[in-house]
PDB file of N, CA and C in Angstrom:
ATOM      1  N   MET A   1     127.767 108.565  73.151  1.00  0.00           N
ATOM      2  CA  MET A   1     126.481 108.527  72.497  1.00  0.00           C
ATOM      3  C   MET A   1     126.113 109.962  72.099  1.00  0.00           C
ATOM      4  N   THR A   2     125.779 110.146  70.854  1.00  0.00           N
ATOM      5  CA  THR A   2     125.378 111.473  70.384  1.00  0.00           C
ATOM      6  C   THR A   2     123.960 111.782  70.862  1.00  0.00           C
ATOM      7  N   ASN A   3     123.574 113.044  70.745  1.00  0.00           N
ATOM      8  CA  ASN A   3     122.214 113.421  71.142  1.00  0.00           C
ATOM      9  C   ASN A   3     121.167 112.672  70.327  1.00  0.00           C
ATOM     10  N   THR A   4     121.428 112.492  69.043  1.00  0.00           N
ATOM     11  CA  THR A   4     120.492 111.764  68.185  1.00  0.00           C
ATOM     12  C   THR A   4     120.378 110.312  68.624  1.00  0.00           C
ATOM     13  N   GLU A   5     121.502 109.689  68.909  1.00  0.00           N
ATOM     14  CA  GLU A   5     121.489 108.299  69.383  1.00  0.00           C
ATOM     15  C   GLU A   5     120.771 108.187  70.727  1.00  0.00           C
ATOM     16  N   LYS A   6     120.986 109.170  71.576  1.00  0.00           N
ATOM     17  CA  LYS A   6     120.344 109.144  72.892  1.00  0.00           C
ATOM     18  C   LYS A   6     118.830 109.293  72.754  1.00  0.00           C
ATOM     19  N   LYS A   7     118.380 110.148  71.840  1.00  0.00           N
ATOM     20  CA  LYS A   7     116.941 110.309  71.608  1.00  0.00           C
ATOM     21  C   LYS A   7     116.318 108.996  71.167  1.00  0.00           C
ATOM     22  N   VAL A   8     116.968 108.309  70.240  1.00  0.00           N
ATOM     23  CA  VAL A   8     116.469 107.017  69.756  1.00  0.00           C
ATOM     24  C   VAL A   8     116.449 106.014  70.907  1.00  0.00           C
ATOM     25  N   HIS A   9     117.519 105.994  71.681  1.00  0.00           N
ATOM     26  CA  HIS A   9     117.621 105.088  72.828  1.00  0.00           C
ATOM     27  C   HIS A   9     116.474 105.331  73.817  1.00  0.00           C
ATOM     28  N   LEU A  10     116.223 106.590  74.151  1.00  0.00           N
ATOM     29  CA  LEU A  10     115.169 106.913  75.110  1.00  0.00           C
ATOM     30  C   LEU A  10     113.784 106.574  74.564  1.00  0.00           C
ATOM     31  N   LYS A  11     113.576 106.794  73.283  1.00  0.00           N
ATOM     32  CA  LYS A  11     112.289 106.435  72.676  1.00  0.00           C
ATOM     33  C   LYS A  11     112.087 104.922  72.689  1.00  0.00           C
ATOM     34  N   ASN A  12     113.170 104.165  72.519  1.00  0.00           N
ATOM     35  CA  ASN A  12     113.081 102.703  72.610  1.00  0.00           C
ATOM     36  C   ASN A  12     112.706 102.263  74.022  1.00  0.00           C
ATOM     37  N   ILE A  13     113.259 102.929  75.017  1.00  0.00           N
ATOM     38  CA  ILE A  13     112.905 102.601  76.400  1.00  0.00           C
ATOM     39  C   ILE A  13     111.427 102.891  76.648  1.00  0.00           C
ATOM     40  N   LEU A  14     110.940 104.020  76.136  1.00  0.00           N
ATOM     41  CA  LEU A  14     109.519 104.342  76.299  1.00  0.00           C
ATOM     42  C   LEU A  14     108.632 103.256  75.705  1.00  0.00           C
ATOM     43  N   SER A  15     109.014 102.738  74.546  1.00  0.00           N
ATOM     44  CA  SER A  15     108.200 101.678  73.932  1.00  0.00           C
ATOM     45  C   SER A  15     108.268 100.391  74.751  1.00  0.00           C
ATOM     46  N   LYS A  16     109.420 100.108  75.352  1.00  0.00           N
ATOM     47  CA  LYS A  16     109.527  98.925  76.222  1.00  0.00           C
ATOM     48  C   LYS A  16     108.631  99.071  77.446  1.00  0.00           C
ATOM     49  N   ILE A  17     108.577 100.270  77.995  1.00  0.00           N
ATOM     50  CA  ILE A  17     107.747 100.521  79.172  1.00  0.00           C
ATOM     51  C   ILE A  17     106.275 100.301  78.837  1.00  0.00           C
ATOM     52  N   GLU A  18     105.864 100.738  77.660  1.00  0.00           N
ATOM     53  CA  GLU A  18     104.466 100.600  77.247  1.00  0.00           C
ATOM     54  C   GLU A  18     104.034  99.134  77.177  1.00  0.00           C
ATOM     55  N   ASN A  19     104.981  98.234  76.947  1.00  0.00           N
ATOM     56  CA  ASN A  19     104.653  96.819  76.814  1.00  0.00           C
ATOM     57  C   ASN A  19     104.632  96.069  78.140  1.00  0.00           C
ATOM     58  N   LEU A  20     104.906  96.758  79.243  1.00  0.00           N
ATOM     59  CA  LEU A  20     104.904  96.102  80.547  1.00  0.00           C
ATOM     60  C   LEU A  20     103.492  96.062  81.121  1.00  0.00           C
ATOM     61  N   ASN A  21     103.157  94.937  81.743  1.00  0.00           N
ATOM     62  CA  ASN A  21     101.900  94.840  82.472  1.00  0.00           C
ATOM     63  C   ASN A  21     102.234  94.713  83.957  1.00  0.00           C
ATOM     64  N   ILE A  22     101.234  94.724  84.790  1.00  0.00           N
ATOM     65  CA  ILE A  22     101.480  94.701  86.229  1.00  0.00           C
ATOM     66  C   ILE A  22     101.612  93.254  86.690  1.00  0.00           C
ATOM     67  N   SER A  23     102.851  92.788  86.766  1.00  0.00           N
ATOM     68  CA  SER A  23     103.146  91.442  87.261  1.00  0.00           C
ATOM     69  C   SER A  23     104.515  91.474  87.927  1.00  0.00           C
ATOM     70  N   GLU A  24     104.827  90.423  88.662  1.00  0.00           N
ATOM     71  CA  GLU A  24     106.124  90.375  89.332  1.00  0.00           C
ATOM     72  C   GLU A  24     107.273  90.414  88.328  1.00  0.00           C
ATOM     73  N   SER A  25     107.118  89.727  87.195  1.00  0.00           N
ATOM     74  CA  SER A  25     108.196  89.728  86.198  1.00  0.00           C
ATOM     75  C   SER A  25     108.347  91.111  85.553  1.00  0.00           C
ATOM     76  N   SER A  26     107.241  91.799  85.342  1.00  0.00           N
ATOM     77  CA  SER A  26     107.318  93.153  84.780  1.00  0.00           C
ATOM     78  C   SER A  26     107.941  94.131  85.766  1.00  0.00           C
ATOM     79  N   ILE A  27     107.710  93.902  87.044  1.00  0.00           N
ATOM     80  CA  ILE A  27     108.342  94.745  88.062  1.00  0.00           C
ATOM     81  C   ILE A  27     109.848  94.560  88.007  1.00  0.00           C
ATOM     82  N   ARG A  28     110.300  93.326  87.859  1.00  0.00           N
ATOM     83  CA  ARG A  28     111.741  93.061  87.711  1.00  0.00           C
ATOM     84  C   ARG A  28     112.272  93.713  86.441  1.00  0.00           C
ATOM     85  N   ASP A  29     111.528  93.563  85.348  1.00  0.00           N
ATOM     86  CA  ASP A  29     111.946  94.163  84.075  1.00  0.00           C
ATOM     87  C   ASP A  29     112.041  95.687  84.183  1.00  0.00           C
ATOM     88  N   LEU A  30     111.056  96.290  84.828  1.00  0.00           N
ATOM     89  CA  LEU A  30     111.064  97.741  85.017  1.00  0.00           C
ATOM     90  C   LEU A  30     112.265  98.156  85.863  1.00  0.00           C
ATOM     91  N   GLY A  31     112.516  97.425  86.930  1.00  0.00           N
ATOM     92  CA  GLY A  31     113.671  97.717  87.777  1.00  0.00           C
ATOM     93  C   GLY A  31     114.971  97.613  87.011  1.00  0.00           C
ATOM     94  N   ASN A  32     115.080  96.579  86.184  1.00  0.00           N
ATOM     95  CA  ASN A  32     116.284  96.412  85.361  1.00  0.00           C
ATOM     96  C   ASN A  32     116.441  97.563  84.371  1.00  0.00           C
ATOM     97  N   LEU A  33     115.333  97.978  83.754  1.00  0.00           N
ATOM     98  CA  LEU A  33     115.378  99.096  82.804  1.00  0.00           C
ATOM     99  C   LEU A  33     115.848 100.384  83.477  1.00  0.00           C
ATOM    100  N   ILE A  34     115.257 100.686  84.619  1.00  0.00           N
ATOM    101  CA  ILE A  34     115.595 101.939  85.304  1.00  0.00           C
ATOM    102  C   ILE A  34     117.044 101.919  85.772  1.00  0.00           C
ATOM    103  N   ARG A  35     117.447 100.816  86.386  1.00  0.00           N
ATOM    104  CA  ARG A  35     118.819 100.746  86.909  1.00  0.00           C
ATOM    105  C   ARG A  35     119.866 100.723  85.790  1.00  0.00           C
ATOM    106  N   SER A  36     119.580 100.014  84.710  1.00  0.00           N
ATOM    107  CA  SER A  36     120.553  99.992  83.612  1.00  0.00           C
ATOM    108  C   SER A  36     120.633 101.364  82.942  1.00  0.00           C
ATOM    109  N   GLU A  37     119.516 102.069  82.879  1.00  0.00           N
ATOM    110  CA  GLU A  37     119.523 103.420  82.320  1.00  0.00           C
ATOM    111  C   GLU A  37     120.314 104.363  83.231  1.00  0.00           C
ATOM    112  N   GLN A  38     120.165 104.203  84.533  1.00  0.00           N
ATOM    113  CA  GLN A  38     120.929 105.035  85.461  1.00  0.00           C
ATOM    114  C   GLN A  38     122.431 104.758  85.316  1.00  0.00           C
ATOM    115  N   ARG A  39     122.808 103.483  85.216  1.00  0.00           N
ATOM    116  CA  ARG A  39     124.225 103.135  85.035  1.00  0.00           C
ATOM    117  C   ARG A  39     124.758 103.678  83.714  1.00  0.00           C
ATOM    118  N   ARG A  40     123.966 103.544  82.647  1.00  0.00           N
ATOM    119  CA  ARG A  40     124.391 104.027  81.338  1.00  0.00           C
ATOM    120  C   ARG A  40     124.604 105.537  81.374  1.00  0.00           C
ATOM    121  N   GLU A  41     123.671 106.234  81.978  1.00  0.00           N
ATOM    122  CA  GLU A  41     123.781 107.695  82.044  1.00  0.00           C
ATOM    123  C   GLU A  41     124.954 108.116  82.924  1.00  0.00           C
ATOM    124  N   PHE A  42     125.132 107.446  84.041  1.00  0.00           N
ATOM    125  CA  PHE A  42     126.217 107.792  84.965  1.00  0.00           C
ATOM    126  C   PHE A  42     127.584 107.603  84.317  1.00  0.00           C
ATOM    127  N   SER A  43     127.711 106.578  83.483  1.00  0.00           N
ATOM    128  CA  SER A  43     129.006 106.300  82.853  1.00  0.00           C
ATOM    129  C   SER A  43     129.181 107.017  81.511  1.00  0.00           C
ATOM    130  N   SER A  44     128.176 107.759  81.096  1.00  0.00           N
ATOM    131  CA  SER A  44     128.226 108.489  79.833  1.00  0.00           C
ATOM    132  C   SER A  44     129.217 109.645  79.917  1.00  0.00           C
ATOM    133  N   GLU A  45     129.877 109.910  78.800  1.00  0.00           N
ATOM    134  CA  GLU A  45     130.808 111.044  78.745  1.00  0.00           C
ATOM    135  C   GLU A  45     130.069 112.371  78.879  1.00  0.00           C
ATOM    136  N   ALA A  46     128.856 112.410  78.375  1.00  0.00           N
ATOM    137  CA  ALA A  46     128.053 113.639  78.427  1.00  0.00           C
ATOM    138  C   ALA A  46     126.879 113.442  79.386  1.00  0.00           C
ATOM    139  N   GLU A  47     127.206 113.059  80.620  1.00  0.00           N
ATOM    140  CA  GLU A  47     126.165 112.775  81.606  1.00  0.00           C
ATOM    141  C   GLU A  47     125.325 114.016  81.883  1.00  0.00           C
ATOM    142  N   SER A  48     124.017 113.822  81.907  1.00  0.00           N
ATOM    143  CA  SER A  48     123.100 114.873  82.330  1.00  0.00           C
ATOM    144  C   SER A  48     122.878 114.693  83.830  1.00  0.00           C
ATOM    145  N   LYS A  49     123.389 115.623  84.606  1.00  0.00           N
ATOM    146  CA  LYS A  49     123.260 115.529  86.071  1.00  0.00           C
ATOM    147  C   LYS A  49     121.793 115.537  86.494  1.00  0.00           C
ATOM    148  N   LEU A  50     120.983 116.349  85.828  1.00  0.00           N
ATOM    149  CA  LEU A  50     119.565 116.428  86.167  1.00  0.00           C
ATOM    150  C   LEU A  50     118.871 115.093  85.904  1.00  0.00           C
ATOM    151  N   TYR A  51     119.124 114.508  84.746  1.00  0.00           N
ATOM    152  CA  TYR A  51     118.523 113.222  84.397  1.00  0.00           C
ATOM    153  C   TYR A  51     118.995 112.133  85.360  1.00  0.00           C
ATOM    154  N   SER A  52     120.277 112.096  85.669  1.00  0.00           N
ATOM    155  CA  SER A  52     120.808 111.114  86.622  1.00  0.00           C
ATOM    156  C   SER A  52     120.145 111.268  87.981  1.00  0.00           C
ATOM    157  N   ASN A  53     119.988 112.507  88.412  1.00  0.00           N
ATOM    158  CA  ASN A  53     119.352 112.770  89.701  1.00  0.00           C
ATOM    159  C   ASN A  53     117.886 112.340  89.687  1.00  0.00           C
ATOM    160  N   ASN A  54     117.183 112.622  88.589  1.00  0.00           N
ATOM    161  CA  ASN A  54     115.785 112.209  88.474  1.00  0.00           C
ATOM    162  C   ASN A  54     115.651 110.688  88.514  1.00  0.00           C
ATOM    163  N   LEU A  55     116.547 109.985  87.843  1.00  0.00           N
ATOM    164  CA  LEU A  55     116.514 108.523  87.869  1.00  0.00           C
ATOM    165  C   LEU A  55     116.769 108.002  89.283  1.00  0.00           C
ATOM    166  N   ARG A  56     117.726 108.599  89.964  1.00  0.00           N
ATOM    167  CA  ARG A  56     118.032 108.190  91.339  1.00  0.00           C
ATOM    168  C   ARG A  56     116.805 108.383  92.231  1.00  0.00           C
ATOM    169  N   GLN A  57     116.124 109.506  92.078  1.00  0.00           N
ATOM    170  CA  GLN A  57     114.925 109.764  92.877  1.00  0.00           C
ATOM    171  C   GLN A  57     113.812 108.776  92.554  1.00  0.00           C
ATOM    172  N   THR A  58     113.654 108.432  91.289  1.00  0.00           N
ATOM    173  CA  THR A  58     112.643 107.452  90.907  1.00  0.00           C
ATOM    174  C   THR A  58     112.945 106.108  91.558  1.00  0.00           C
ATOM    175  N   ILE A  59     114.207 105.735  91.582  1.00  0.00           N
ATOM    176  CA  ILE A  59     114.595 104.477  92.222  1.00  0.00           C
ATOM    177  C   ILE A  59     114.308 104.539  93.716  1.00  0.00           C
ATOM    178  N   GLU A  60     114.746 105.604  94.363  1.00  0.00           N
ATOM    179  CA  GLU A  60     114.609 105.707  95.817  1.00  0.00           C
ATOM    180  C   GLU A  60     113.165 105.891  96.267  1.00  0.00           C
ATOM    181  N   LYS A  61     112.394 106.677  95.541  1.00  0.00           N
ATOM    182  CA  LYS A  61     111.045 107.012  95.987  1.00  0.00           C
ATOM    183  C   LYS A  61     109.976 106.055  95.476  1.00  0.00           C
ATOM    184  N   ASN A  62     110.210 105.407  94.345  1.00  0.00           N
ATOM    185  CA  ASN A  62     109.168 104.573  93.754  1.00  0.00           C
ATOM    186  C   ASN A  62     109.569 103.116  93.606  1.00  0.00           C
ATOM    187  N   LEU A  63     110.691 102.884  92.950  1.00  0.00           N
ATOM    188  CA  LEU A  63     111.066 101.516  92.604  1.00  0.00           C
ATOM    189  C   LEU A  63     111.317 100.652  93.835  1.00  0.00           C
ATOM    190  N   GLU A  64     111.993 101.192  94.827  1.00  0.00           N
ATOM    191  CA  GLU A  64     112.282 100.396  96.018  1.00  0.00           C
ATOM    192  C   GLU A  64     110.999  99.982  96.734  1.00  0.00           C
ATOM    193  N   ASP A  65     110.017 100.884  96.846  1.00  0.00           N
ATOM    194  CA  ASP A  65     108.720 100.527  97.439  1.00  0.00           C
ATOM    195  C   ASP A  65     108.015  99.474  96.599  1.00  0.00           C
ATOM    196  N   LEU A  66     108.060  99.651  95.304  1.00  0.00           N
ATOM    197  CA  LEU A  66     107.417  98.699  94.398  1.00  0.00           C
ATOM    198  C   LEU A  66     108.023  97.311  94.550  1.00  0.00           C
ATOM    199  N   GLU A  67     109.336  97.225  94.575  1.00  0.00           N
ATOM    200  CA  GLU A  67     109.997  95.923  94.693  1.00  0.00           C
ATOM    201  C   GLU A  67     109.706  95.263  96.039  1.00  0.00           C
ATOM    202  N   GLU A  68     109.616  96.055  97.093  1.00  0.00           N
ATOM    203  CA  GLU A  68     109.300  95.504  98.414  1.00  0.00           C
ATOM    204  C   GLU A  68     107.879  94.951  98.471  1.00  0.00           C
ATOM    205  N   ASN A  69     106.985  95.488  97.667  1.00  0.00           N
ATOM    206  CA  ASN A  69     105.580  95.080  97.684  1.00  0.00           C
ATOM    207  C   ASN A  69     105.169  94.310  96.435  1.00  0.00           C
ATOM    208  N   ALA A  70     106.128  93.762  95.720  1.00  0.00           N
ATOM    209  CA  ALA A  70     105.851  93.087  94.443  1.00  0.00           C
ATOM    210  C   ALA A  70     104.914  91.895  94.579  1.00  0.00           C
ATOM    211  N   THR A  71     104.896  91.258  95.731  1.00  0.00           N
ATOM    212  CA  THR A  71     104.048  90.071  95.905  1.00  0.00           C
ATOM    213  C   THR A  71     102.671  90.421  96.461  1.00  0.00           C
ATOM    214  N   LYS A  72     102.404  91.686  96.669  1.00  0.00           N
ATOM    215  CA  LYS A  72     101.109  92.128  97.204  1.00  0.00           C
ATOM    216  C   LYS A  72     100.300  92.768  96.075  1.00  0.00           C
ATOM    217  N   PRO A  73      99.429  91.979  95.442  1.00  0.00           N
ATOM    218  CA  PRO A  73      98.723  92.456  94.244  1.00  0.00           C
ATOM    219  C   PRO A  73      97.976  93.778  94.415  1.00  0.00           C
ATOM    220  N   LYS A  74      97.303  93.970  95.530  1.00  0.00           N
ATOM    221  CA  LYS A  74      96.504  95.186  95.693  1.00  0.00           C
ATOM    222  C   LYS A  74      97.375  96.428  95.835  1.00  0.00           C
ATOM    223  N   VAL A  75      98.510  96.270  96.469  1.00  0.00           N
ATOM    224  CA  VAL A  75      99.402  97.404  96.707  1.00  0.00           C
ATOM    225  C   VAL A  75     100.228  97.720  95.466  1.00  0.00           C
ATOM    226  N   ARG A  76     100.665  96.684  94.779  1.00  0.00           N
ATOM    227  CA  ARG A  76     101.618  96.901  93.684  1.00  0.00           C
ATOM    228  C   ARG A  76     101.019  97.618  92.482  1.00  0.00           C
ATOM    229  N   ILE A  77      99.722  97.553  92.302  1.00  0.00           N
ATOM    230  CA  ILE A  77      99.106  98.192  91.132  1.00  0.00           C
ATOM    231  C   ILE A  77      99.390  99.695  91.127  1.00  0.00           C
ATOM    232  N   ASP A  78      99.050 100.362  92.218  1.00  0.00           N
ATOM    233  CA  ASP A  78      99.284 101.811  92.287  1.00  0.00           C
ATOM    234  C   ASP A  78     100.766 102.139  92.285  1.00  0.00           C
ATOM    235  N   LEU A  79     101.561 101.346  92.996  1.00  0.00           N
ATOM    236  CA  LEU A  79     103.003 101.585  93.037  1.00  0.00           C
ATOM    237  C   LEU A  79     103.625 101.417  91.653  1.00  0.00           C
ATOM    238  N   PHE A  80     103.172 100.407  90.906  1.00  0.00           N
ATOM    239  CA  PHE A  80     103.671 100.167  89.555  1.00  0.00           C
ATOM    240  C   PHE A  80     103.338 101.359  88.659  1.00  0.00           C
ATOM    241  N   LYS A  81     102.091 101.802  88.725  1.00  0.00           N
ATOM    242  CA  LYS A  81     101.662 102.938  87.898  1.00  0.00           C
ATOM    243  C   LYS A  81     102.463 104.195  88.235  1.00  0.00           C
ATOM    244  N   ASP A  82     102.685 104.434  89.520  1.00  0.00           N
ATOM    245  CA  ASP A  82     103.472 105.606  89.937  1.00  0.00           C
ATOM    246  C   ASP A  82     104.901 105.524  89.432  1.00  0.00           C
ATOM    247  N   CYS A  83     105.500 104.353  89.556  1.00  0.00           N
ATOM    248  CA  CYS A  83     106.888 104.174  89.140  1.00  0.00           C
ATOM    249  C   CYS A  83     107.024 104.354  87.625  1.00  0.00           C
ATOM    250  N   VAL A  84     106.123 103.742  86.876  1.00  0.00           N
ATOM    251  CA  VAL A  84     106.137 103.884  85.415  1.00  0.00           C
ATOM    252  C   VAL A  84     105.940 105.351  85.033  1.00  0.00           C
ATOM    253  N   SER A  85     104.991 106.004  85.677  1.00  0.00           N
ATOM    254  CA  SER A  85     104.716 107.409  85.381  1.00  0.00           C
ATOM    255  C   SER A  85     105.940 108.286  85.642  1.00  0.00           C
ATOM    256  N   ASN A  86     106.596 108.074  86.759  1.00  0.00           N
ATOM    257  CA  ASN A  86     107.777 108.882  87.076  1.00  0.00           C
ATOM    258  C   ASN A  86     108.939 108.597  86.133  1.00  0.00           C
ATOM    259  N   PHE A  87     109.134 107.335  85.780  1.00  0.00           N
ATOM    260  CA  PHE A  87     110.212 106.985  84.852  1.00  0.00           C
ATOM    261  C   PHE A  87     109.953 107.602  83.481  1.00  0.00           C
ATOM    262  N   LYS A  88     108.705 107.525  83.017  1.00  0.00           N
ATOM    263  CA  LYS A  88     108.348 108.151  81.739  1.00  0.00           C
ATOM    264  C   LYS A  88     108.580 109.662  81.795  1.00  0.00           C
ATOM    265  N   GLN A  89     108.205 110.257  82.909  1.00  0.00           N
ATOM    266  CA  GLN A  89     108.393 111.699  83.070  1.00  0.00           C
ATOM    267  C   GLN A  89     109.880 112.053  83.015  1.00  0.00           C
ATOM    268  N   ASP A  90     110.718 111.249  83.664  1.00  0.00           N
ATOM    269  CA  ASP A  90     112.171 111.470  83.613  1.00  0.00           C
ATOM    270  C   ASP A  90     112.669 111.438  82.173  1.00  0.00           C
ATOM    271  N   ILE A  91     112.221 110.435  81.425  1.00  0.00           N
ATOM    272  CA  ILE A  91     112.663 110.268  80.039  1.00  0.00           C
ATOM    273  C   ILE A  91     112.164 111.422  79.171  1.00  0.00           C
ATOM    274  N   LYS A  92     110.903 111.786  79.334  1.00  0.00           N
ATOM    275  CA  LYS A  92     110.340 112.869  78.521  1.00  0.00           C
ATOM    276  C   LYS A  92     111.013 114.205  78.817  1.00  0.00           C
ATOM    277  N   ARG A  93     111.360 114.439  80.070  1.00  0.00           N
ATOM    278  CA  ARG A  93     112.099 115.663  80.406  1.00  0.00           C
ATOM    279  C   ARG A  93     113.460 115.667  79.729  1.00  0.00           C
ATOM    280  N   GLU A  94     114.133 114.519  79.766  1.00  0.00           N
ATOM    281  CA  GLU A  94     115.452 114.434  79.133  1.00  0.00           C
ATOM    282  C   GLU A  94     115.332 114.615  77.625  1.00  0.00           C
ATOM    283  N   LEU A  95     114.305 114.035  77.014  1.00  0.00           N
ATOM    284  CA  LEU A  95     114.091 114.232  75.576  1.00  0.00           C
ATOM    285  C   LEU A  95     113.856 115.713  75.274  1.00  0.00           C
ATOM    286  N   GLY A  96     113.091 116.387  76.126  1.00  0.00           N
ATOM    287  CA  GLY A  96     112.868 117.818  75.951  1.00  0.00           C
ATOM    288  C   GLY A  96     114.156 118.612  76.084  1.00  0.00           C
ATOM    289  N   ASP A  97     114.971 118.239  77.062  1.00  0.00           N
ATOM    290  CA  ASP A  97     116.260 118.922  77.246  1.00  0.00           C
ATOM    291  C   ASP A  97     117.187 118.689  76.057  1.00  0.00           C
ATOM    292  N   LEU A  98     117.135 117.503  75.479  1.00  0.00           N
ATOM    293  CA  LEU A  98     117.999 117.188  74.336  1.00  0.00           C
ATOM    294  C   LEU A  98     117.666 118.047  73.121  1.00  0.00           C
ATOM    295  N   LYS A  99     116.424 118.468  73.004  1.00  0.00           N
ATOM    296  CA  LYS A  99     116.031 119.327  71.880  1.00  0.00           C
ATOM    297  C   LYS A  99     116.722 120.683  71.943  1.00  0.00           C
ATOM    298  N   HIS A 100     117.100 121.090  73.152  1.00  0.00           N
ATOM    299  CA  HIS A 100     117.693 122.415  73.342  1.00  0.00           C
ATOM    300  C   HIS A 100     119.206 122.374  73.502  1.00  0.00           C
ATOM    301  N   ARG A 101     119.813 121.224  73.289  1.00  0.00           N
ATOM    302  CA  ARG A 101     121.279 121.123  73.389  1.00  0.00           C
ATOM    303  C   ARG A 101     121.898 121.179  72.025  1.00  0.00           C
TER     304      ARG A 101
END
């Protein structure tokens, strides 16, 4: 994947994230997005170690807690917002790094 293709790909993920609401199905969708992005990046020929590490941390620190509490409406709201915020931050950092490559 070229840098231009990766930028388009990451912007598409950002738009998908914006369309998620706080529900059990959206939590699954968010988890699928983050994990598939981590797999895609890990298997990429031009893997960004920093981006891969950031995704791993988002999974370990946010997504796993969110998935464990997906059926608890009061708890999942803040966890969902935190997870989305961190995933967006990971993507935006990678987009910023791509501008300088």
